[in-house]
Amino acid sequence: MQFYTGQAFSLEAITAKAHEVGAIAGFDLAHAAGNMPVQLHDWNVDFACWCTYKYLNSGPGSVGGVFVHEKHLKAELPRFAGWWGHDKSTRFQMGPEFSPMPTAEGWQVSNAAVFNMAIHRVSLEQFGRAGMQRLRAKALQLTGYAEALINGINKKHNVNLEIITPSDPEQRGCQLSIFAHGMGKDLFDKLTAQGISLDWREPNVIRMAPVPMYNSFEDVWRFGEAFESQMNG
């Protein structure tokens, strides 16, 4: 996912092209984890990492995640090794040699904060119950509804709210990035004052994301009402 535009790229296709030229394919999934279904192993991705404070709801400064394809687990690769990646059965013997766990855990540098892990576990349990496919289906509907509202405001008020996120549902997740031509940050500030949680990016982009885990169609409707009220004001 591209953080500014909200565009989703085909990791499978990018990985295949990278491998064609002998490159290793690794991805930052900060905006994809908990937002888009991914099949990293099946797509033959070499590695990926992500934060959990965005769509995974684990809070700022919380634990990160990492994927390492199993084909690399026994390879002698240079790594920034830490004691928490050492074989669990001998970790506390504090021996002179590093013996990595034969999983992605072997890339851990240090133990994570217990409270953050507890919060993250609760979040993952919620995702497990909801299921990414069902969340994805609702996300497409929520974001499509938001897109329709923005397009309706454009037509009704003859303004230029340009959605720079692709219209193709396969090329986006929850996020819509709206280039508010000629309206400036004042529009963002007024919407924020109405209790709408948005994000501002220079020079003139408002990012919004109806998240299926906890946002409703009424939330999106209220967003549209708040947005349109500023066109009338």
C-alpha atoms as a PDB file:
ATOM      1  CA  MET A   1       0.000   0.000   0.000  1.00  0.00           C
ATOM      2  CA  GLN A   2       1.267   3.445  -0.904  1.00  0.00           C
ATOM      3  CA  PHE A   3       0.797   5.603   2.199  1.00  0.00           C
ATOM      4  CA  TYR A   4      -0.006   8.845   0.319  1.00  0.00           C
ATOM      5  CA  THR A   5      -2.375   7.704  -2.415  1.00  0.00           C
ATOM      6  CA  GLY A   6      -3.699   4.543  -0.788  1.00  0.00           C
ATOM      7  CA  GLN A   7      -2.908   2.524  -3.909  1.00  0.00           C
ATOM      8  CA  ALA A   8      -2.475  -1.228  -3.436  1.00  0.00           C
ATOM      9  CA  PHE A   9       0.124  -2.939  -5.605  1.00  0.00           C
ATOM     10  CA  SER A  10       0.383  -6.568  -6.695  1.00  0.00           C
ATOM     11  CA  LEU A  11       3.045  -8.019  -4.415  1.00  0.00           C
ATOM     12  CA  GLU A  12       2.906 -11.278  -6.324  1.00  0.00           C
ATOM     13  CA  ALA A  13       3.746  -9.588  -9.650  1.00  0.00           C
ATOM     14  CA  ILE A  14       6.449  -7.378  -8.127  1.00  0.00           C
ATOM     15  CA  THR A  15       8.023 -10.388  -6.417  1.00  0.00           C
ATOM     16  CA  ALA A  16       8.063 -12.368  -9.655  1.00  0.00           C
ATOM     17  CA  LYS A  17       9.781  -9.510 -11.498  1.00  0.00           C
ATOM     18  CA  ALA A  18      12.327  -9.087  -8.698  1.00  0.00           C
ATOM     19  CA  HIS A  19      13.194 -12.783  -8.821  1.00  0.00           C
ATOM     20  CA  GLU A  20      13.563 -12.643 -12.614  1.00  0.00           C
ATOM     21  CA  VAL A  21      16.587 -10.367 -12.180  1.00  0.00           C
ATOM     22  CA  GLY A  22      17.951 -12.200  -9.157  1.00  0.00           C
ATOM     23  CA  ALA A  23      16.765  -9.690  -6.563  1.00  0.00           C
ATOM     24  CA  ILE A  24      15.266 -10.389  -3.147  1.00  0.00           C
ATOM     25  CA  ALA A  25      11.714  -9.091  -2.701  1.00  0.00           C
ATOM     26  CA  GLY A  26      10.910  -7.545   0.667  1.00  0.00           C
ATOM     27  CA  PHE A  27       8.012  -5.260   1.555  1.00  0.00           C
ATOM     28  CA  ASP A  28       6.896  -2.778   4.184  1.00  0.00           C
ATOM     29  CA  LEU A  29       3.291  -3.743   4.940  1.00  0.00           C
ATOM     30  CA  ALA A  30       2.509  -0.993   7.459  1.00  0.00           C
ATOM     31  CA  HIS A  31      -0.603   0.061   5.524  1.00  0.00           C
ATOM     32  CA  ALA A  32      -1.541  -3.441   4.362  1.00  0.00           C
ATOM     33  CA  ALA A  33      -1.467  -5.498   7.578  1.00  0.00           C
ATOM     34  CA  GLY A  34      -5.030  -5.785   8.836  1.00  0.00           C
ATOM     35  CA  ASN A  35      -6.252  -3.914   5.762  1.00  0.00           C
ATOM     36  CA  MET A  36      -5.699  -6.230   2.790  1.00  0.00           C
ATOM     37  CA  PRO A  37      -5.573 -10.036   2.646  1.00  0.00           C
ATOM     38  CA  VAL A  38      -2.038 -11.139   1.748  1.00  0.00           C
ATOM     39  CA  GLN A  39      -0.564 -14.536   0.882  1.00  0.00           C
ATOM     40  CA  LEU A  40       3.132 -13.868   1.403  1.00  0.00           C
ATOM     41  CA  HIS A  41       4.233 -17.502   1.361  1.00  0.00           C
ATOM     42  CA  ASP A  42       2.197 -18.432  -1.694  1.00  0.00           C
ATOM     43  CA  TRP A  43       3.395 -15.323  -3.537  1.00  0.00           C
ATOM     44  CA  ASN A  44       6.985 -16.371  -2.801  1.00  0.00           C
ATOM     45  CA  VAL A  45       7.772 -13.076  -1.031  1.00  0.00           C
ATOM     46  CA  ASP A  46      11.208 -13.291   0.586  1.00  0.00           C
ATOM     47  CA  PHE A  47      10.439 -11.175   3.634  1.00  0.00           C
ATOM     48  CA  ALA A  48       8.094  -8.483   4.919  1.00  0.00           C
ATOM     49  CA  CYS A  49       7.689  -6.364   8.018  1.00  0.00           C
ATOM     50  CA  TRP A  50       4.893  -4.250   9.432  1.00  0.00           C
ATOM     51  CA  CYS A  51       3.753  -2.220  12.396  1.00  0.00           C
ATOM     52  CA  THR A  52       0.605  -3.091  14.345  1.00  0.00           C
ATOM     53  CA  TYR A  53      -0.603   0.322  15.485  1.00  0.00           C
ATOM     54  CA  LYS A  54      -2.502   1.123  12.285  1.00  0.00           C
ATOM     55  CA  TYR A  55      -5.193  -1.272  11.103  1.00  0.00           C
ATOM     56  CA  LEU A  56      -4.210  -3.926  13.652  1.00  0.00           C
ATOM     57  CA  ASN A  57      -5.190  -1.560  16.489  1.00  0.00           C
ATOM     58  CA  SER A  58      -2.390  -2.433  18.902  1.00  0.00           C
ATOM     59  CA  GLY A  59      -1.565   1.153  19.828  1.00  0.00           C
ATOM     60  CA  PRO A  60       1.362   3.543  19.201  1.00  0.00           C
ATOM     61  CA  GLY A  61       4.774   2.064  19.943  1.00  0.00           C
ATOM     62  CA  SER A  62       3.401  -1.459  19.968  1.00  0.00           C
ATOM     63  CA  VAL A  63       5.024  -4.628  18.686  1.00  0.00           C
ATOM     64  CA  GLY A  64       6.003  -5.018  15.030  1.00  0.00           C
ATOM     65  CA  GLY A  65       5.681  -8.071  12.818  1.00  0.00           C
ATOM     66  CA  VAL A  66       7.972  -9.874  10.406  1.00  0.00           C
ATOM     67  CA  PHE A  67       7.613 -12.586   7.772  1.00  0.00           C
ATOM     68  CA  VAL A  68      10.546 -14.584   6.459  1.00  0.00           C
ATOM     69  CA  HIS A  69       9.893 -17.170   3.752  1.00  0.00           C
ATOM     70  CA  GLU A  70      10.675 -20.676   4.927  1.00  0.00           C
ATOM     71  CA  LYS A  71      13.187 -21.134   2.115  1.00  0.00           C
ATOM     72  CA  HIS A  72      15.464 -18.686   3.940  1.00  0.00           C
ATOM     73  CA  LEU A  73      15.141 -20.114   7.431  1.00  0.00           C
ATOM     74  CA  LYS A  74      18.099 -22.478   7.192  1.00  0.00           C
ATOM     75  CA  ALA A  75      20.193 -20.288   4.901  1.00  0.00           C
ATOM     76  CA  GLU A  76      23.381 -18.704   6.198  1.00  0.00           C
ATOM     77  CA  LEU A  77      22.222 -15.139   5.749  1.00  0.00           C
ATOM     78  CA  PRO A  78      23.785 -12.084   7.365  1.00  0.00           C
ATOM     79  CA  ARG A  79      21.441 -10.873  10.060  1.00  0.00           C
ATOM     80  CA  PHE A  80      21.323  -8.437  12.934  1.00  0.00           C
ATOM     81  CA  ALA A  81      21.083 -11.188  15.542  1.00  0.00           C
ATOM     82  CA  GLY A  82      19.643 -10.675  19.007  1.00  0.00           C
ATOM     83  CA  TRP A  83      19.355 -12.987  21.973  1.00  0.00           C
ATOM     84  CA  TRP A  84      15.564 -13.309  21.640  1.00  0.00           C
ATOM     85  CA  GLY A  85      16.075 -15.007  18.286  1.00  0.00           C
ATOM     86  CA  HIS A  86      18.222 -17.710  19.893  1.00  0.00           C
ATOM     87  CA  ASP A  87      16.956 -21.288  20.267  1.00  0.00           C
ATOM     88  CA  LYS A  88      14.476 -21.199  23.155  1.00  0.00           C
ATOM     89  CA  SER A  89      15.762 -24.398  24.727  1.00  0.00           C
ATOM     90  CA  THR A  90      19.269 -22.988  25.232  1.00  0.00           C
ATOM     91  CA  ARG A  91      18.665 -19.234  25.217  1.00  0.00           C
ATOM     92  CA  PHE A  92      19.308 -18.695  28.903  1.00  0.00           C
ATOM     93  CA  GLN A  93      22.530 -20.668  28.885  1.00  0.00           C
ATOM     94  CA  MET A  94      24.060 -17.542  27.327  1.00  0.00           C
ATOM     95  CA  GLY A  95      26.535 -19.510  25.215  1.00  0.00           C
ATOM     96  CA  PRO A  96      29.072 -17.828  22.912  1.00  0.00           C
ATOM     97  CA  GLU A  97      27.453 -19.023  19.672  1.00  0.00           C
ATOM     98  CA  PHE A  98      24.177 -17.775  18.213  1.00  0.00           C
ATOM     99  CA  SER A  99      21.755 -20.583  17.390  1.00  0.00           C
ATOM    100  CA  PRO A 100      18.729 -19.035  15.627  1.00  0.00           C
ATOM    101  CA  MET A 101      15.267 -20.522  15.847  1.00  0.00           C
ATOM    102  CA  PRO A 102      14.339 -22.119  12.504  1.00  0.00           C
ATOM    103  CA  THR A 103      11.373 -19.768  12.054  1.00  0.00           C
ATOM    104  CA  ALA A 104      10.837 -16.041  11.557  1.00  0.00           C
ATOM    105  CA  GLU A 105      11.311 -15.809  15.333  1.00  0.00           C
ATOM    106  CA  GLY A 106      15.028 -16.247  14.698  1.00  0.00           C
ATOM    107  CA  TRP A 107      15.146 -12.649  13.477  1.00  0.00           C
ATOM    108  CA  GLN A 108      13.903 -11.249  16.790  1.00  0.00           C
ATOM    109  CA  VAL A 109      16.382  -8.930  18.478  1.00  0.00           C
ATOM    110  CA  SER A 110      14.831  -8.560  21.917  1.00  0.00           C
ATOM    111  CA  ASN A 111      11.740  -9.533  23.836  1.00  0.00           C
ATOM    112  CA  ALA A 112       8.661  -7.367  23.252  1.00  0.00           C
ATOM    113  CA  ALA A 113       6.896  -5.388  25.986  1.00  0.00           C
ATOM    114  CA  VAL A 114       4.388  -7.637  27.752  1.00  0.00           C
ATOM    115  CA  PHE A 115       1.588  -5.069  27.928  1.00  0.00           C
ATOM    116  CA  ASN A 116       1.891  -4.302  24.210  1.00  0.00           C
ATOM    117  CA  MET A 117       1.832  -7.997  23.396  1.00  0.00           C
ATOM    118  CA  ALA A 118      -1.304  -8.464  25.512  1.00  0.00           C
ATOM    119  CA  ILE A 119      -3.107  -5.715  23.608  1.00  0.00           C
ATOM    120  CA  HIS A 120      -1.901  -7.108  20.298  1.00  0.00           C
ATOM    121  CA  ARG A 121      -3.161 -10.574  21.192  1.00  0.00           C
ATOM    122  CA  VAL A 122      -6.657  -9.231  21.870  1.00  0.00           C
ATOM    123  CA  SER A 123      -6.601  -7.449  18.511  1.00  0.00           C
ATOM    124  CA  LEU A 124      -5.509 -10.573  16.644  1.00  0.00           C
ATOM    125  CA  GLU A 125      -8.243 -12.576  18.357  1.00  0.00           C
ATOM    126  CA  GLN A 126     -10.799 -10.092  17.012  1.00  0.00           C
ATOM    127  CA  PHE A 127      -9.370 -10.413  13.507  1.00  0.00           C
ATOM    128  CA  GLY A 128      -9.444 -14.187  13.817  1.00  0.00           C
ATOM    129  CA  ARG A 129     -13.126 -14.159  14.705  1.00  0.00           C
ATOM    130  CA  ALA A 130     -14.088 -11.633  12.039  1.00  0.00           C
ATOM    131  CA  GLY A 131     -11.981 -13.145   9.238  1.00  0.00           C
ATOM    132  CA  MET A 132      -9.996 -11.076   6.739  1.00  0.00           C
ATOM    133  CA  GLN A 133     -12.202 -12.055   3.798  1.00  0.00           C
ATOM    134  CA  ARG A 134     -15.334 -10.751   5.507  1.00  0.00           C
ATOM    135  CA  LEU A 135     -13.523  -7.606   6.630  1.00  0.00           C
ATOM    136  CA  ARG A 136     -12.297  -7.075   3.086  1.00  0.00           C
ATOM    137  CA  ALA A 137     -15.810  -7.438   1.685  1.00  0.00           C
ATOM    138  CA  LYS A 138     -17.172  -4.829   4.093  1.00  0.00           C
ATOM    139  CA  ALA A 139     -14.199  -2.523   3.430  1.00  0.00           C
ATOM    140  CA  LEU A 140     -14.986  -2.496  -0.285  1.00  0.00           C
ATOM    141  CA  GLN A 141     -18.560  -1.468   0.466  1.00  0.00           C
ATOM    142  CA  LEU A 142     -17.623   1.219   3.003  1.00  0.00           C
ATOM    143  CA  THR A 143     -14.944   2.788   0.815  1.00  0.00           C
ATOM    144  CA  GLY A 144     -17.167   2.564  -2.262  1.00  0.00           C
ATOM    145  CA  TYR A 145     -19.919   4.362  -0.340  1.00  0.00           C
ATOM    146  CA  ALA A 146     -17.484   7.086   0.745  1.00  0.00           C
ATOM    147  CA  GLU A 147     -16.311   7.469  -2.855  1.00  0.00           C
ATOM    148  CA  ALA A 148     -19.911   7.852  -4.050  1.00  0.00           C
ATOM    149  CA  LEU A 149     -20.573  10.535  -1.438  1.00  0.00           C
ATOM    150  CA  ILE A 150     -17.489  12.527  -2.438  1.00  0.00           C
ATOM    151  CA  ASN A 151     -18.391  12.280  -6.114  1.00  0.00           C
ATOM    152  CA  GLY A 152     -21.919  13.434  -5.258  1.00  0.00           C
ATOM    153  CA  ILE A 153     -20.579  16.474  -3.406  1.00  0.00           C
ATOM    154  CA  ASN A 154     -18.403  17.322  -6.395  1.00  0.00           C
ATOM    155  CA  LYS A 155     -21.364  17.215  -8.748  1.00  0.00           C
ATOM    156  CA  LYS A 156     -23.809  19.027  -6.466  1.00  0.00           C
ATOM    157  CA  HIS A 157     -21.514  21.869  -5.418  1.00  0.00           C
ATOM    158  CA  ASN A 158     -19.281  22.075  -8.491  1.00  0.00           C
ATOM    159  CA  VAL A 159     -16.099  21.710  -6.446  1.00  0.00           C
ATOM    160  CA  ASN A 160     -12.896  19.850  -7.188  1.00  0.00           C
ATOM    161  CA  LEU A 161     -12.387  17.074  -4.647  1.00  0.00           C
ATOM    162  CA  GLU A 162     -10.073  14.764  -6.568  1.00  0.00           C
ATOM    163  CA  ILE A 163      -9.839  11.205  -5.235  1.00  0.00           C
ATOM    164  CA  ILE A 164      -6.271  10.183  -6.098  1.00  0.00           C
ATOM    165  CA  THR A 165      -6.772   6.633  -4.803  1.00  0.00           C
ATOM    166  CA  PRO A 166      -7.547   4.242  -7.696  1.00  0.00           C
ATOM    167  CA  SER A 167     -11.242   3.586  -8.290  1.00  0.00           C
ATOM    168  CA  ASP A 168     -10.511  -0.070  -9.029  1.00  0.00           C
ATOM    169  CA  PRO A 169     -11.319  -1.908  -5.744  1.00  0.00           C
ATOM    170  CA  GLU A 170      -8.489  -4.353  -6.435  1.00  0.00           C
ATOM    171  CA  GLN A 171      -6.030  -1.471  -6.268  1.00  0.00           C
ATOM    172  CA  ARG A 172      -7.026  -0.040  -2.907  1.00  0.00           C
ATOM    173  CA  GLY A 173      -7.811  -0.926   0.681  1.00  0.00           C
ATOM    174  CA  CYS A 174      -9.820   1.105   3.185  1.00  0.00           C
ATOM    175  CA  GLN A 175      -8.113   4.428   2.487  1.00  0.00           C
ATOM    176  CA  LEU A 176      -9.281   7.218   0.199  1.00  0.00           C
ATOM    177  CA  SER A 177      -6.919  10.124  -0.411  1.00  0.00           C
ATOM    178  CA  ILE A 178      -8.742  13.288  -1.419  1.00  0.00           C
ATOM    179  CA  PHE A 179      -6.868  16.134  -3.080  1.00  0.00           C
ATOM    180  CA  ALA A 180      -8.896  19.160  -1.963  1.00  0.00           C
ATOM    181  CA  HIS A 181      -8.027  21.600  -4.733  1.00  0.00           C
ATOM    182  CA  GLY A 182      -8.219  25.225  -3.616  1.00  0.00           C
ATOM    183  CA  MET A 183      -9.565  24.476  -0.146  1.00  0.00           C
ATOM    184  CA  GLY A 184      -6.394  24.176   1.880  1.00  0.00           C
ATOM    185  CA  LYS A 185      -5.883  22.854   5.384  1.00  0.00           C
ATOM    186  CA  ASP A 186      -8.781  24.961   6.613  1.00  0.00           C
ATOM    187  CA  LEU A 187     -11.194  22.306   5.325  1.00  0.00           C
ATOM    188  CA  PHE A 188      -9.334  19.566   7.206  1.00  0.00           C
ATOM    189  CA  ASP A 189      -9.341  21.618  10.427  1.00  0.00           C
ATOM    190  CA  LYS A 190     -13.079  22.272  10.221  1.00  0.00           C
ATOM    191  CA  LEU A 191     -13.851  18.588   9.649  1.00  0.00           C
ATOM    192  CA  THR A 192     -11.603  17.616  12.561  1.00  0.00           C
ATOM    193  CA  ALA A 193     -13.466  20.111  14.763  1.00  0.00           C
ATOM    194  CA  GLN A 194     -16.669  18.205  13.947  1.00  0.00           C
ATOM    195  CA  GLY A 195     -15.164  15.013  15.359  1.00  0.00           C
ATOM    196  CA  ILE A 196     -14.179  13.445  12.038  1.00  0.00           C
ATOM    197  CA  SER A 197     -10.896  11.525  12.371  1.00  0.00           C
ATOM    198  CA  LEU A 198      -8.820  12.278   9.286  1.00  0.00           C
ATOM    199  CA  ASP A 199      -5.200  12.776   8.327  1.00  0.00           C
ATOM    200  CA  TRP A 200      -3.607  15.711   6.507  1.00  0.00           C
ATOM    201  CA  ARG A 201      -0.708  15.388   4.079  1.00  0.00           C
ATOM    202  CA  GLU A 202       0.988  18.284   2.320  1.00  0.00           C
ATOM    203  CA  PRO A 203       0.390  19.936   0.004  1.00  0.00           C
ATOM    204  CA  ASN A 204      -3.371  19.426  -0.027  1.00  0.00           C
ATOM    205  CA  VAL A 205      -4.408  15.836   0.657  1.00  0.00           C
ATOM    206  CA  ILE A 206      -6.961  14.618   3.185  1.00  0.00           C
ATOM    207  CA  ARG A 207      -6.733  10.904   3.940  1.00  0.00           C
ATOM    208  CA  MET A 208      -9.784   9.089   5.290  1.00  0.00           C
ATOM    209  CA  ALA A 209     -10.264   5.383   5.952  1.00  0.00           C
ATOM    210  CA  PRO A 210     -13.534   3.723   7.008  1.00  0.00           C
ATOM    211  CA  VAL A 211     -12.219   0.636   8.792  1.00  0.00           C
ATOM    212  CA  PRO A 212     -14.554  -2.384   8.645  1.00  0.00           C
ATOM    213  CA  MET A 213     -13.617  -3.687  12.088  1.00  0.00           C
ATOM    214  CA  TYR A 214     -15.333  -0.797  13.841  1.00  0.00           C
ATOM    215  CA  ASN A 215     -16.723   1.727  11.326  1.00  0.00           C
ATOM    216  CA  SER A 216     -20.297   1.568  10.081  1.00  0.00           C
ATOM    217  CA  PHE A 217     -22.158   2.858   7.052  1.00  0.00           C
ATOM    218  CA  GLU A 218     -23.688   5.477   9.339  1.00  0.00           C
ATOM    219  CA  ASP A 219     -20.174   6.670  10.177  1.00  0.00           C
ATOM    220  CA  VAL A 220     -19.464   7.125   6.479  1.00  0.00           C
ATOM    221  CA  TRP A 221     -22.775   8.930   5.999  1.00  0.00           C
ATOM    222  CA  ARG A 222     -21.907  11.294   8.869  1.00  0.00           C
ATOM    223  CA  PHE A 223     -18.545  11.919   7.229  1.00  0.00           C
ATOM    224  CA  GLY A 224     -20.315  12.848   4.014  1.00  0.00           C
ATOM    225  CA  GLU A 225     -22.720  15.145   5.851  1.00  0.00           C
ATOM    226  CA  ALA A 226     -19.849  16.903   7.625  1.00  0.00           C
ATOM    227  CA  PHE A 227     -17.943  17.264   4.368  1.00  0.00           C
ATOM    228  CA  GLU A 228     -20.936  18.684   2.520  1.00  0.00           C
ATOM    229  CA  SER A 229     -21.690  21.143   5.328  1.00  0.00           C
ATOM    230  CA  GLN A 230     -18.340  22.795   4.611  1.00  0.00           C
ATOM    231  CA  MET A 231     -19.297  23.215   0.970  1.00  0.00           C
ATOM    232  CA  ASN A 232     -22.379  25.107   2.090  1.00  0.00           C
ATOM    233  CA  GLY A 233     -20.363  27.183   4.561  1.00  0.00           C
END
